């Protein structure tokens, strides 16, 4: 999934979620995107499951 190969420490303190995304909030590849309606910590497995469900729903037309 979306994990770095090597990290200095195993666990990272995540801090607080505040504000809105300034970068990475525009669709660059394709016509469709996934937008969060509320702040939450999501894992790479959840992002991948949402991507697979979207492509299955639109029959690979948006990929």
PDB file of N, CA and C in Angstrom:
ATOM      1  N   UNK A   1       0.840  -1.195   0.000  1.00  0.00           N
ATOM      2  CA  UNK A   1       0.000   0.000   0.000  1.00  0.00           C
ATOM      3  C   UNK A   1       0.884   1.257   0.000  1.00  0.00           C
ATOM      4  N   UNK A   2       0.369   2.326   0.542  1.00  0.00           N
ATOM      5  CA  UNK A   2       1.082   3.598   0.539  1.00  0.00           C
ATOM      6  C   UNK A   2       1.925   3.730   1.807  1.00  0.00           C
ATOM      7  N   UNK A   3       3.091   3.120   1.792  1.00  0.00           N
ATOM      8  CA  UNK A   3       3.955   3.147   2.966  1.00  0.00           C
ATOM      9  C   UNK A   3       5.387   3.462   2.537  1.00  0.00           C
ATOM     10  N   UNK A   4       6.121   4.223   3.350  1.00  0.00           N
ATOM     11  CA  UNK A   4       7.527   4.452   3.030  1.00  0.00           C
ATOM     12  C   UNK A   4       8.347   3.185   3.276  1.00  0.00           C
ATOM     13  N   UNK A   5       9.444   3.068   2.549  1.00  0.00           N
ATOM     14  CA  UNK A   5      10.266   1.863   2.693  1.00  0.00           C
ATOM     15  C   UNK A   5      11.025   1.858   4.012  1.00  0.00           C
ATOM     16  N   UNK A   6      11.618   2.995   4.382  1.00  0.00           N
ATOM     17  CA  UNK A   6      12.391   3.066   5.613  1.00  0.00           C
ATOM     18  C   UNK A   6      11.988   4.308   6.388  1.00  0.00           C
ATOM     19  N   UNK A   7      11.804   4.159   7.689  1.00  0.00           N
ATOM     20  CA  UNK A   7      11.517   5.296   8.561  1.00  0.00           C
ATOM     21  C   UNK A   7      12.457   5.228   9.759  1.00  0.00           C
ATOM     22  N   UNK A   8      12.726   6.387  10.342  1.00  0.00           N
ATOM     23  CA  UNK A   8      13.650   6.434  11.464  1.00  0.00           C
ATOM     24  C   UNK A   8      12.997   5.880  12.733  1.00  0.00           C
ATOM     25  N   UNK A   9      11.720   6.219  12.951  1.00  0.00           N
ATOM     26  CA  UNK A   9      10.997   5.738  14.120  1.00  0.00           C
ATOM     27  C   UNK A   9       9.753   4.993  13.658  1.00  0.00           C
ATOM     28  N   UNK A  10       9.344   3.994  14.448  1.00  0.00           N
ATOM     29  CA  UNK A  10       8.216   3.168  14.032  1.00  0.00           C
ATOM     30  C   UNK A  10       6.891   3.925  14.078  1.00  0.00           C
ATOM     31  N   UNK A  11       6.624   4.604  15.190  1.00  0.00           N
ATOM     32  CA  UNK A  11       5.351   5.313  15.350  1.00  0.00           C
ATOM     33  C   UNK A  11       5.590   6.807  15.219  1.00  0.00           C
ATOM     34  N   UNK A  12       4.616   7.501  14.641  1.00  0.00           N
ATOM     35  CA  UNK A  12       4.728   8.941  14.494  1.00  0.00           C
ATOM     36  C   UNK A  12       3.541   9.594  15.181  1.00  0.00           C
ATOM     37  N   UNK A  13       3.800  10.639  15.963  1.00  0.00           N
ATOM     38  CA  UNK A  13       2.708  11.350  16.610  1.00  0.00           C
ATOM     39  C   UNK A  13       2.002  12.209  15.572  1.00  0.00           C
ATOM     40  N   UNK A  14       0.675  12.088  15.521  1.00  0.00           N
ATOM     41  CA  UNK A  14      -0.058  12.678  14.410  1.00  0.00           C
ATOM     42  C   UNK A  14      -0.509  14.109  14.658  1.00  0.00           C
ATOM     43  N   UNK A  15      -0.622  14.519  15.912  1.00  0.00           N
ATOM     44  CA  UNK A  15      -1.041  15.892  16.180  1.00  0.00           C
ATOM     45  C   UNK A  15      -2.533  16.099  15.944  1.00  0.00           C
ATOM     46  N   UNK A  16      -2.914  17.357  15.719  1.00  0.00           N
ATOM     47  CA  UNK A  16      -4.325  17.688  15.533  1.00  0.00           C
ATOM     48  C   UNK A  16      -4.605  17.993  14.072  1.00  0.00           C
ATOM     49  N   UNK A  17      -5.840  17.700  13.648  1.00  0.00           N
ATOM     50  CA  UNK A  17      -6.260  18.020  12.285  1.00  0.00           C
ATOM     51  C   UNK A  17      -6.952  19.377  12.292  1.00  0.00           C
ATOM     52  N   UNK A  18      -6.372  20.358  11.662  1.00  0.00           N
ATOM     53  CA  UNK A  18      -6.994  21.673  11.576  1.00  0.00           C
ATOM     54  C   UNK A  18      -6.828  22.205  10.168  1.00  0.00           C
ATOM     55  N   UNK A  19      -7.732  23.075   9.766  1.00  0.00           N
ATOM     56  CA  UNK A  19      -7.608  23.755   8.484  1.00  0.00           C
ATOM     57  C   UNK A  19      -8.013  22.900   7.301  1.00  0.00           C
ATOM     58  N   UNK A  20      -7.850  23.487   6.118  1.00  0.00           N
ATOM     59  CA  UNK A  20      -8.190  22.805   4.876  1.00  0.00           C
ATOM     60  C   UNK A  20      -6.921  22.540   4.080  1.00  0.00           C
ATOM     61  N   UNK A  21      -7.009  21.606   3.153  1.00  0.00           N
ATOM     62  CA  UNK A  21      -5.856  21.270   2.316  1.00  0.00           C
ATOM     63  C   UNK A  21      -5.601  22.400   1.335  1.00  0.00           C
ATOM     64  N   UNK A  22      -4.349  22.831   1.266  1.00  0.00           N
ATOM     65  CA  UNK A  22      -3.980  23.875   0.319  1.00  0.00           C
ATOM     66  C   UNK A  22      -3.432  23.290  -0.973  1.00  0.00           C
ATOM     67  N   UNK A  23      -2.809  22.107  -0.865  1.00  0.00           N
ATOM     68  CA  UNK A  23      -2.264  21.460  -2.059  1.00  0.00           C
ATOM     69  C   UNK A  23      -2.841  20.052  -2.153  1.00  0.00           C
ATOM     70  N   UNK A  24      -2.872  19.535  -3.365  1.00  0.00           N
ATOM     71  CA  UNK A  24      -3.366  18.177  -3.558  1.00  0.00           C
ATOM     72  C   UNK A  24      -4.869  18.073  -3.481  1.00  0.00           C
ATOM     73  N   UNK A  25      -5.592  19.174  -3.717  1.00  0.00           N
ATOM     74  CA  UNK A  25      -7.046  19.137  -3.624  1.00  0.00           C
ATOM     75  C   UNK A  25      -7.719  19.357  -4.977  1.00  0.00           C
ATOM     76  N   UNK A  26      -6.992  19.172  -6.062  1.00  0.00           N
ATOM     77  CA  UNK A  26      -7.558  19.299  -7.403  1.00  0.00           C
ATOM     78  C   UNK A  26      -7.337  17.997  -8.157  1.00  0.00           C
ATOM     79  N   UNK A  27      -8.297  17.643  -9.009  1.00  0.00           N
ATOM     80  CA  UNK A  27      -8.189  16.418  -9.797  1.00  0.00           C
ATOM     81  C   UNK A  27      -7.247  16.679 -10.966  1.00  0.00           C
ATOM     82  N   UNK A  28      -6.157  15.932 -11.038  1.00  0.00           N
ATOM     83  CA  UNK A  28      -5.190  16.111 -12.118  1.00  0.00           C
ATOM     84  C   UNK A  28      -5.290  14.989 -13.144  1.00  0.00           C
ATOM     85  N   UNK A  29      -5.529  13.766 -12.695  1.00  0.00           N
ATOM     86  CA  UNK A  29      -5.631  12.624 -13.609  1.00  0.00           C
ATOM     87  C   UNK A  29      -7.078  12.150 -13.641  1.00  0.00           C
ATOM     88  N   UNK A  30      -7.674  12.094 -14.832  1.00  0.00           N
ATOM     89  CA  UNK A  30      -9.042  11.606 -14.954  1.00  0.00           C
ATOM     90  C   UNK A  30     -10.060  12.701 -14.732  1.00  0.00           C
ATOM     91  N   UNK A  31     -11.317  12.288 -14.639  1.00  0.00           N
ATOM     92  CA  UNK A  31     -12.431  13.225 -14.509  1.00  0.00           C
ATOM     93  C   UNK A  31     -13.085  13.186 -13.138  1.00  0.00           C
ATOM     94  N   UNK A  32     -12.850  12.145 -12.353  1.00  0.00           N
ATOM     95  CA  UNK A  32     -13.531  11.972 -11.079  1.00  0.00           C
ATOM     96  C   UNK A  32     -12.522  11.929  -9.948  1.00  0.00           C
ATOM     97  N   UNK A  33     -12.974  12.321  -8.768  1.00  0.00           N
ATOM     98  CA  UNK A  33     -12.106  12.285  -7.605  1.00  0.00           C
ATOM     99  C   UNK A  33     -12.899  11.968  -6.356  1.00  0.00           C
ATOM    100  N   UNK A  34     -12.198  11.744  -5.270  1.00  0.00           N
ATOM    101  CA  UNK A  34     -12.798  11.417  -3.988  1.00  0.00           C
ATOM    102  C   UNK A  34     -12.579  12.597  -3.054  1.00  0.00           C
ATOM    103  N   UNK A  35     -13.661  13.095  -2.447  1.00  0.00           N
ATOM    104  CA  UNK A  35     -13.554  14.251  -1.568  1.00  0.00           C
ATOM    105  C   UNK A  35     -14.101  13.897  -0.194  1.00  0.00           C
ATOM    106  N   UNK A  36     -13.347  14.223   0.840  1.00  0.00           N
ATOM    107  CA  UNK A  36     -13.784  13.977   2.211  1.00  0.00           C
ATOM    108  C   UNK A  36     -14.725  15.090   2.646  1.00  0.00           C
ATOM    109  N   UNK A  37     -15.829  14.721   3.273  1.00  0.00           N
ATOM    110  CA  UNK A  37     -16.802  15.702   3.733  1.00  0.00           C
ATOM    111  C   UNK A  37     -16.574  16.106   5.179  1.00  0.00           C
ATOM    112  N   UNK A  38     -15.768  15.345   5.900  1.00  0.00           N
ATOM    113  CA  UNK A  38     -15.454  15.697   7.279  1.00  0.00           C
ATOM    114  C   UNK A  38     -14.044  15.209   7.590  1.00  0.00           C
ATOM    115  N   UNK A  39     -13.351  15.859   8.521  1.00  0.00           N
ATOM    116  CA  UNK A  39     -11.977  15.447   8.812  1.00  0.00           C
ATOM    117  C   UNK A  39     -11.936  14.128   9.574  1.00  0.00           C
ATOM    118  N   UNK A  40     -11.051  13.238   9.161  1.00  0.00           N
ATOM    119  CA  UNK A  40     -10.864  11.955   9.841  1.00  0.00           C
ATOM    120  C   UNK A  40      -9.542  11.360   9.385  1.00  0.00           C
ATOM    121  N   UNK A  41      -8.971  10.521  10.228  1.00  0.00           N
ATOM    122  CA  UNK A  41      -7.778   9.785   9.834  1.00  0.00           C
ATOM    123  C   UNK A  41      -8.226   8.587   9.020  1.00  0.00           C
ATOM    124  N   UNK A  42      -7.723   8.450   7.795  1.00  0.00           N
ATOM    125  CA  UNK A  42      -8.043   7.283   6.983  1.00  0.00           C
ATOM    126  C   UNK A  42      -6.741   6.602   6.592  1.00  0.00           C
ATOM    127  N   UNK A  43      -6.826   5.302   6.409  1.00  0.00           N
ATOM    128  CA  UNK A  43      -5.635   4.518   6.112  1.00  0.00           C
ATOM    129  C   UNK A  43      -5.498   4.328   4.608  1.00  0.00           C
ATOM    130  N   UNK A  44      -4.340   3.834   4.197  1.00  0.00           N
ATOM    131  CA  UNK A  44      -4.124   3.569   2.777  1.00  0.00           C
ATOM    132  C   UNK A  44      -5.030   2.444   2.292  1.00  0.00           C
ATOM    133  N   UNK A  45      -5.379   1.502   3.184  1.00  0.00           N
ATOM    134  CA  UNK A  45      -6.310   0.437   2.794  1.00  0.00           C
ATOM    135  C   UNK A  45      -7.682   1.006   2.487  1.00  0.00           C
ATOM    136  N   UNK A  46      -8.134   1.999   3.248  1.00  0.00           N
ATOM    137  CA  UNK A  46      -9.437   2.609   2.998  1.00  0.00           C
ATOM    138  C   UNK A  46      -9.436   3.384   1.688  1.00  0.00           C
ATOM    139  N   UNK A  47      -8.345   4.091   1.387  1.00  0.00           N
ATOM    140  CA  UNK A  47      -8.253   4.824   0.120  1.00  0.00           C
ATOM    141  C   UNK A  47      -8.287   3.852  -1.053  1.00  0.00           C
ATOM    142  N   UNK A  48      -7.552   2.754  -0.935  1.00  0.00           N
ATOM    143  CA  UNK A  48      -7.514   1.763  -2.015  1.00  0.00           C
ATOM    144  C   UNK A  48      -8.873   1.093  -2.191  1.00  0.00           C
ATOM    145  N   UNK A  49      -9.577   0.791  -1.090  1.00  0.00           N
ATOM    146  CA  UNK A  49     -10.903   0.179  -1.187  1.00  0.00           C
ATOM    147  C   UNK A  49     -11.892   1.131  -1.852  1.00  0.00           C
ATOM    148  N   UNK A  50     -11.807   2.418  -1.538  1.00  0.00           N
ATOM    149  CA  UNK A  50     -12.695   3.402  -2.170  1.00  0.00           C
ATOM    150  C   UNK A  50     -12.390   3.526  -3.653  1.00  0.00           C
ATOM    151  N   UNK A  51     -11.111   3.488  -4.016  1.00  0.00           N
ATOM    152  CA  UNK A  51     -10.741   3.585  -5.427  1.00  0.00           C
ATOM    153  C   UNK A  51     -11.251   2.382  -6.215  1.00  0.00           C
ATOM    154  N   UNK A  52     -11.123   1.182  -5.642  1.00  0.00           N
ATOM    155  CA  UNK A  52     -11.597  -0.027  -6.318  1.00  0.00           C
ATOM    156  C   UNK A  52     -13.114  -0.002  -6.447  1.00  0.00           C
ATOM    157  N   UNK A  53     -13.818   0.439  -5.392  1.00  0.00           N
ATOM    158  CA  UNK A  53     -15.280   0.504  -5.446  1.00  0.00           C
ATOM    159  C   UNK A  53     -15.750   1.513  -6.488  1.00  0.00           C
ATOM    160  N   UNK A  54     -15.050   2.643  -6.595  1.00  0.00           N
ATOM    161  CA  UNK A  54     -15.437   3.646  -7.605  1.00  0.00           C
ATOM    162  C   UNK A  54     -15.239   3.112  -9.010  1.00  0.00           C
ATOM    163  N   UNK A  55     -14.100   2.473  -9.266  1.00  0.00           N
ATOM    164  CA  UNK A  55     -13.854   1.962 -10.617  1.00  0.00           C
ATOM    165  C   UNK A  55     -14.816   0.832 -10.953  1.00  0.00           C
ATOM    166  N   UNK A  56     -15.211   0.037  -9.966  1.00  0.00           N
ATOM    167  CA  UNK A  56     -16.183  -1.023 -10.217  1.00  0.00           C
ATOM    168  C   UNK A  56     -17.558  -0.423 -10.512  1.00  0.00           C
ATOM    169  N   UNK A  57     -17.910   0.651  -9.810  1.00  0.00           N
ATOM    170  CA  UNK A  57     -19.230   1.262  -9.979  1.00  0.00           C
ATOM    171  C   UNK A  57     -19.367   1.935 -11.343  1.00  0.00           C
ATOM    172  N   UNK A  58     -18.320   2.591 -11.809  1.00  0.00           N
ATOM    173  CA  UNK A  58     -18.418   3.300 -13.089  1.00  0.00           C
ATOM    174  C   UNK A  58     -17.850   2.479 -14.238  1.00  0.00           C
ATOM    175  N   UNK A  59     -17.611   1.204 -14.000  1.00  0.00           N
ATOM    176  CA  UNK A  59     -17.184   0.254 -15.037  1.00  0.00           C
ATOM    177  C   UNK A  59     -15.914   0.709 -15.744  1.00  0.00           C
ATOM    178  N   UNK A  60     -14.947   1.169 -14.956  1.00  0.00           N
ATOM    179  CA  UNK A  60     -13.634   1.578 -15.461  1.00  0.00           C
ATOM    180  C   UNK A  60     -13.715   2.684 -16.505  1.00  0.00           C
ATOM    181  N   UNK A  61     -14.793   3.434 -16.533  1.00  0.00           N
ATOM    182  CA  UNK A  61     -14.913   4.534 -17.477  1.00  0.00           C
ATOM    183  C   UNK A  61     -14.190   5.780 -17.007  1.00  0.00           C
ATOM    184  N   UNK A  62     -13.963   5.909 -15.701  1.00  0.00           N
ATOM    185  CA  UNK A  62     -13.331   7.110 -15.186  1.00  0.00           C
ATOM    186  C   UNK A  62     -11.861   6.958 -14.908  1.00  0.00           C
ATOM    187  N   UNK A  63     -11.301   5.798 -15.192  1.00  0.00           N
ATOM    188  CA  UNK A  63      -9.897   5.600 -14.857  1.00  0.00           C
ATOM    189  C   UNK A  63      -9.004   6.006 -16.008  1.00  0.00           C
TER     190      UNK A  63
END
